[in-house]
């Protein structure tokens, strides 16, 4: 029997996420990072980073 374990994204202090952003399971968003509206986050985002589009 296979059990799929899904981990939720981890958000640090001061994170700002725009509307309709998609963050995949298991991703860590660093402290004070900003995620633009509609962004697709596929890997960890370091602290104090501004991200838009596909990351």
PDB file of N, CA and C in Angstrom:
ATOM      1  N   UNK A   1       0.829  -1.174   0.000  1.00  0.00           N
ATOM      2  CA  UNK A   1       0.000   0.000   0.000  1.00  0.00           C
ATOM      3  C   UNK A   1       0.882   1.249   0.000  1.00  0.00           C
ATOM      4  N   UNK A   2       0.691   2.082  -0.990  1.00  0.00           N
ATOM      5  CA  UNK A   2       1.457   3.327  -1.087  1.00  0.00           C
ATOM      6  C   UNK A   2       0.667   4.464  -0.453  1.00  0.00           C
ATOM      7  N   UNK A   3       1.337   5.197   0.405  1.00  0.00           N
ATOM      8  CA  UNK A   3       0.716   6.358   1.037  1.00  0.00           C
ATOM      9  C   UNK A   3       1.502   7.587   0.603  1.00  0.00           C
ATOM     10  N   UNK A   4       0.811   8.521   0.001  1.00  0.00           N
ATOM     11  CA  UNK A   4       1.434   9.741  -0.470  1.00  0.00           C
ATOM     12  C   UNK A   4       1.407  10.781   0.647  1.00  0.00           C
ATOM     13  N   UNK A   5       2.575  11.202   1.072  1.00  0.00           N
ATOM     14  CA  UNK A   5       2.658  12.219   2.119  1.00  0.00           C
ATOM     15  C   UNK A   5       2.852  13.583   1.463  1.00  0.00           C
ATOM     16  N   UNK A   6       1.925  14.479   1.690  1.00  0.00           N
ATOM     17  CA  UNK A   6       2.009  15.825   1.131  1.00  0.00           C
ATOM     18  C   UNK A   6       2.323  16.790   2.263  1.00  0.00           C
ATOM     19  N   UNK A   7       3.377  17.565   2.070  1.00  0.00           N
ATOM     20  CA  UNK A   7       3.753  18.543   3.083  1.00  0.00           C
ATOM     21  C   UNK A   7       3.277  19.922   2.652  1.00  0.00           C
ATOM     22  N   UNK A   8       2.820  20.703   3.598  1.00  0.00           N
ATOM     23  CA  UNK A   8       2.351  22.042   3.277  1.00  0.00           C
ATOM     24  C   UNK A   8       3.538  22.991   3.152  1.00  0.00           C
ATOM     25  N   UNK A   9       3.374  24.083   2.402  1.00  0.00           N
ATOM     26  CA  UNK A   9       4.462  25.061   2.307  1.00  0.00           C
ATOM     27  C   UNK A   9       4.751  25.687   3.675  1.00  0.00           C
ATOM     28  N   UNK A  10       5.979  26.123   3.867  1.00  0.00           N
ATOM     29  CA  UNK A  10       6.398  26.745   5.119  1.00  0.00           C
ATOM     30  C   UNK A  10       6.654  28.231   4.866  1.00  0.00           C
ATOM     31  N   UNK A  11       6.048  29.085   5.682  1.00  0.00           N
ATOM     32  CA  UNK A  11       6.180  30.526   5.536  1.00  0.00           C
ATOM     33  C   UNK A  11       6.890  31.100   6.754  1.00  0.00           C
ATOM     34  N   UNK A  12       7.905  31.907   6.526  1.00  0.00           N
ATOM     35  CA  UNK A  12       8.609  32.580   7.614  1.00  0.00           C
ATOM     36  C   UNK A  12       7.940  33.919   7.907  1.00  0.00           C
ATOM     37  N   UNK A  13       8.452  34.623   8.906  1.00  0.00           N
ATOM     38  CA  UNK A  13       7.891  35.895   9.367  1.00  0.00           C
ATOM     39  C   UNK A  13       7.970  36.977   8.275  1.00  0.00           C
ATOM     40  N   UNK A  14       6.887  37.741   8.117  1.00  0.00           N
ATOM     41  CA  UNK A  14       6.882  38.900   7.232  1.00  0.00           C
ATOM     42  C   UNK A  14       6.674  38.612   5.760  1.00  0.00           C
ATOM     43  N   UNK A  15       6.239  37.413   5.404  1.00  0.00           N
ATOM     44  CA  UNK A  15       6.042  37.049   3.998  1.00  0.00           C
ATOM     45  C   UNK A  15       4.798  37.736   3.450  1.00  0.00           C
ATOM     46  N   UNK A  16       4.880  38.186   2.201  1.00  0.00           N
ATOM     47  CA  UNK A  16       3.740  38.794   1.516  1.00  0.00           C
ATOM     48  C   UNK A  16       3.485  38.016   0.226  1.00  0.00           C
ATOM     49  N   UNK A  17       2.239  37.538   0.047  1.00  0.00           N
ATOM     50  CA  UNK A  17       1.904  36.726  -1.115  1.00  0.00           C
ATOM     51  C   UNK A  17       0.764  37.387  -1.873  1.00  0.00           C
ATOM     52  N   UNK A  18       0.978  37.624  -3.171  1.00  0.00           N
ATOM     53  CA  UNK A  18      -0.024  38.258  -4.011  1.00  0.00           C
ATOM     54  C   UNK A  18      -1.168  37.320  -4.356  1.00  0.00           C
ATOM     55  N   UNK A  19      -2.252  37.902  -4.850  1.00  0.00           N
ATOM     56  CA  UNK A  19      -3.453  37.151  -5.215  1.00  0.00           C
ATOM     57  C   UNK A  19      -3.160  36.125  -6.299  1.00  0.00           C
ATOM     58  N   UNK A  20      -3.795  34.966  -6.182  1.00  0.00           N
ATOM     59  CA  UNK A  20      -3.750  33.907  -7.186  1.00  0.00           C
ATOM     60  C   UNK A  20      -2.358  33.289  -7.365  1.00  0.00           C
ATOM     61  N   UNK A  21      -1.453  33.472  -6.408  1.00  0.00           N
ATOM     62  CA  UNK A  21      -0.140  32.828  -6.477  1.00  0.00           C
ATOM     63  C   UNK A  21      -0.298  31.343  -6.164  1.00  0.00           C
ATOM     64  N   UNK A  22       0.484  30.502  -6.838  1.00  0.00           N
ATOM     65  CA  UNK A  22       0.459  29.061  -6.612  1.00  0.00           C
ATOM     66  C   UNK A  22       1.800  28.647  -6.021  1.00  0.00           C
ATOM     67  N   UNK A  23       1.748  28.029  -4.846  1.00  0.00           N
ATOM     68  CA  UNK A  23       2.970  27.583  -4.166  1.00  0.00           C
ATOM     69  C   UNK A  23       2.875  26.083  -3.985  1.00  0.00           C
ATOM     70  N   UNK A  24       3.821  25.345  -4.559  1.00  0.00           N
ATOM     71  CA  UNK A  24       3.783  23.893  -4.511  1.00  0.00           C
ATOM     72  C   UNK A  24       4.067  23.368  -3.107  1.00  0.00           C
ATOM     73  N   UNK A  25       3.621  22.146  -2.811  1.00  0.00           N
ATOM     74  CA  UNK A  25       3.847  21.556  -1.484  1.00  0.00           C
ATOM     75  C   UNK A  25       5.333  21.428  -1.152  1.00  0.00           C
ATOM     76  N   UNK A  26       5.659  21.615   0.116  1.00  0.00           N
ATOM     77  CA  UNK A  26       7.029  21.424   0.596  1.00  0.00           C
ATOM     78  C   UNK A  26       7.954  22.601   0.383  1.00  0.00           C
ATOM     79  N   UNK A  27       7.469  23.684  -0.186  1.00  0.00           N
ATOM     80  CA  UNK A  27       8.292  24.859  -0.466  1.00  0.00           C
ATOM     81  C   UNK A  27       8.421  25.718   0.794  1.00  0.00           C
ATOM     82  N   UNK A  28       9.593  26.328   0.990  1.00  0.00           N
ATOM     83  CA  UNK A  28       9.817  27.250   2.099  1.00  0.00           C
ATOM     84  C   UNK A  28       9.974  28.657   1.547  1.00  0.00           C
ATOM     85  N   UNK A  29       9.196  29.572   2.087  1.00  0.00           N
ATOM     86  CA  UNK A  29       9.287  30.978   1.708  1.00  0.00           C
ATOM     87  C   UNK A  29      10.011  31.703   2.831  1.00  0.00           C
ATOM     88  N   UNK A  30      11.159  32.319   2.512  1.00  0.00           N
ATOM     89  CA  UNK A  30      12.005  32.955   3.513  1.00  0.00           C
ATOM     90  C   UNK A  30      11.425  34.226   4.104  1.00  0.00           C
ATOM     91  N   UNK A  31      12.028  34.663   5.181  1.00  0.00           N
ATOM     92  CA  UNK A  31      11.586  35.840   5.927  1.00  0.00           C
ATOM     93  C   UNK A  31      11.574  37.090   5.046  1.00  0.00           C
ATOM     94  N   UNK A  32      10.479  37.860   5.134  1.00  0.00           N
ATOM     95  CA  UNK A  32      10.291  39.126   4.416  1.00  0.00           C
ATOM     96  C   UNK A  32      10.289  38.992   2.891  1.00  0.00           C
ATOM     97  N   UNK A  33      10.077  37.791   2.361  1.00  0.00           N
ATOM     98  CA  UNK A  33      10.007  37.599   0.910  1.00  0.00           C
ATOM     99  C   UNK A  33       8.670  38.111   0.385  1.00  0.00           C
ATOM    100  N   UNK A  34       8.664  38.525  -0.880  1.00  0.00           N
ATOM    101  CA  UNK A  34       7.436  38.996  -1.529  1.00  0.00           C
ATOM    102  C   UNK A  34       7.174  38.150  -2.772  1.00  0.00           C
ATOM    103  N   UNK A  35       5.967  37.588  -2.863  1.00  0.00           N
ATOM    104  CA  UNK A  35       5.571  36.765  -3.997  1.00  0.00           C
ATOM    105  C   UNK A  35       4.542  37.559  -4.796  1.00  0.00           C
ATOM    106  N   UNK A  36       4.812  37.780  -6.081  1.00  0.00           N
ATOM    107  CA  UNK A  36       3.915  38.566  -6.915  1.00  0.00           C
ATOM    108  C   UNK A  36       2.616  37.842  -7.224  1.00  0.00           C
ATOM    109  N   UNK A  37       1.596  38.611  -7.586  1.00  0.00           N
ATOM    110  CA  UNK A  37       0.293  38.053  -7.941  1.00  0.00           C
ATOM    111  C   UNK A  37       0.428  37.128  -9.144  1.00  0.00           C
ATOM    112  N   UNK A  38      -0.169  35.948  -9.056  1.00  0.00           N
ATOM    113  CA  UNK A  38      -0.165  34.993 -10.151  1.00  0.00           C
ATOM    114  C   UNK A  38       1.127  34.200 -10.306  1.00  0.00           C
ATOM    115  N   UNK A  39       2.084  34.377  -9.407  1.00  0.00           N
ATOM    116  CA  UNK A  39       3.358  33.656  -9.504  1.00  0.00           C
ATOM    117  C   UNK A  39       3.166  32.161  -9.268  1.00  0.00           C
ATOM    118  N   UNK A  40       4.029  31.349  -9.875  1.00  0.00           N
ATOM    119  CA  UNK A  40       4.043  29.908  -9.652  1.00  0.00           C
ATOM    120  C   UNK A  40       5.386  29.579  -9.014  1.00  0.00           C
ATOM    121  N   UNK A  41       5.353  29.174  -7.734  1.00  0.00           N
ATOM    122  CA  UNK A  41       6.578  28.936  -6.975  1.00  0.00           C
ATOM    123  C   UNK A  41       6.858  27.431  -6.931  1.00  0.00           C
ATOM    124  N   UNK A  42       7.965  27.017  -7.556  1.00  0.00           N
ATOM    125  CA  UNK A  42       8.315  25.597  -7.654  1.00  0.00           C
ATOM    126  C   UNK A  42       9.560  25.230  -6.853  1.00  0.00           C
ATOM    127  N   UNK A  43      10.236  26.236  -6.291  1.00  0.00           N
ATOM    128  CA  UNK A  43      11.420  25.957  -5.452  1.00  0.00           C
ATOM    129  C   UNK A  43      11.462  26.959  -4.307  1.00  0.00           C
ATOM    130  N   UNK A  44      12.287  26.700  -3.314  1.00  0.00           N
ATOM    131  CA  UNK A  44      12.385  27.553  -2.138  1.00  0.00           C
ATOM    132  C   UNK A  44      12.764  28.987  -2.516  1.00  0.00           C
ATOM    133  N   UNK A  45      12.196  29.932  -1.778  1.00  0.00           N
ATOM    134  CA  UNK A  45      12.481  31.344  -1.994  1.00  0.00           C
ATOM    135  C   UNK A  45      13.271  31.845  -0.789  1.00  0.00           C
ATOM    136  N   UNK A  46      14.478  32.392  -1.004  1.00  0.00           N
ATOM    137  CA  UNK A  46      15.272  32.892   0.126  1.00  0.00           C
ATOM    138  C   UNK A  46      14.656  34.144   0.734  1.00  0.00           C
ATOM    139  N   UNK A  47      15.088  34.485   1.921  1.00  0.00           N
ATOM    140  CA  UNK A  47      14.591  35.664   2.625  1.00  0.00           C
ATOM    141  C   UNK A  47      14.913  36.948   1.871  1.00  0.00           C
ATOM    142  N   UNK A  48      14.061  37.959   2.036  1.00  0.00           N
ATOM    143  CA  UNK A  48      14.229  39.292   1.445  1.00  0.00           C
ATOM    144  C   UNK A  48      14.270  39.269  -0.085  1.00  0.00           C
ATOM    145  N   UNK A  49      13.669  38.262  -0.685  1.00  0.00           N
ATOM    146  CA  UNK A  49      13.649  38.118  -2.153  1.00  0.00           C
ATOM    147  C   UNK A  49      12.293  38.563  -2.693  1.00  0.00           C
ATOM    148  N   UNK A  50      12.288  39.182  -3.881  1.00  0.00           N
ATOM    149  CA  UNK A  50      11.044  39.540  -4.565  1.00  0.00           C
ATOM    150  C   UNK A  50      10.928  38.628  -5.776  1.00  0.00           C
ATOM    151  N   UNK A  51       9.806  37.916  -5.887  1.00  0.00           N
ATOM    152  CA  UNK A  51       9.642  36.908  -6.929  1.00  0.00           C
ATOM    153  C   UNK A  51       8.359  37.179  -7.702  1.00  0.00           C
ATOM    154  N   UNK A  52       8.434  37.054  -9.029  1.00  0.00           N
ATOM    155  CA  UNK A  52       7.253  37.150  -9.870  1.00  0.00           C
ATOM    156  C   UNK A  52       7.375  36.141 -11.002  1.00  0.00           C
ATOM    157  N   UNK A  53       6.281  35.811 -11.638  1.00  0.00           N
ATOM    158  CA  UNK A  53       6.298  34.849 -12.727  1.00  0.00           C
ATOM    159  C   UNK A  53       6.521  33.434 -12.212  1.00  0.00           C
ATOM    160  N   UNK A  54       7.333  32.643 -12.935  1.00  0.00           N
ATOM    161  CA  UNK A  54       7.632  31.276 -12.518  1.00  0.00           C
ATOM    162  C   UNK A  54       9.003  31.265 -11.849  1.00  0.00           C
ATOM    163  N   UNK A  55       9.064  30.715 -10.649  1.00  0.00           N
ATOM    164  CA  UNK A  55      10.312  30.682  -9.873  1.00  0.00           C
ATOM    165  C   UNK A  55      10.729  29.260  -9.660  1.00  0.00           C
TER     166      UNK A  55
END
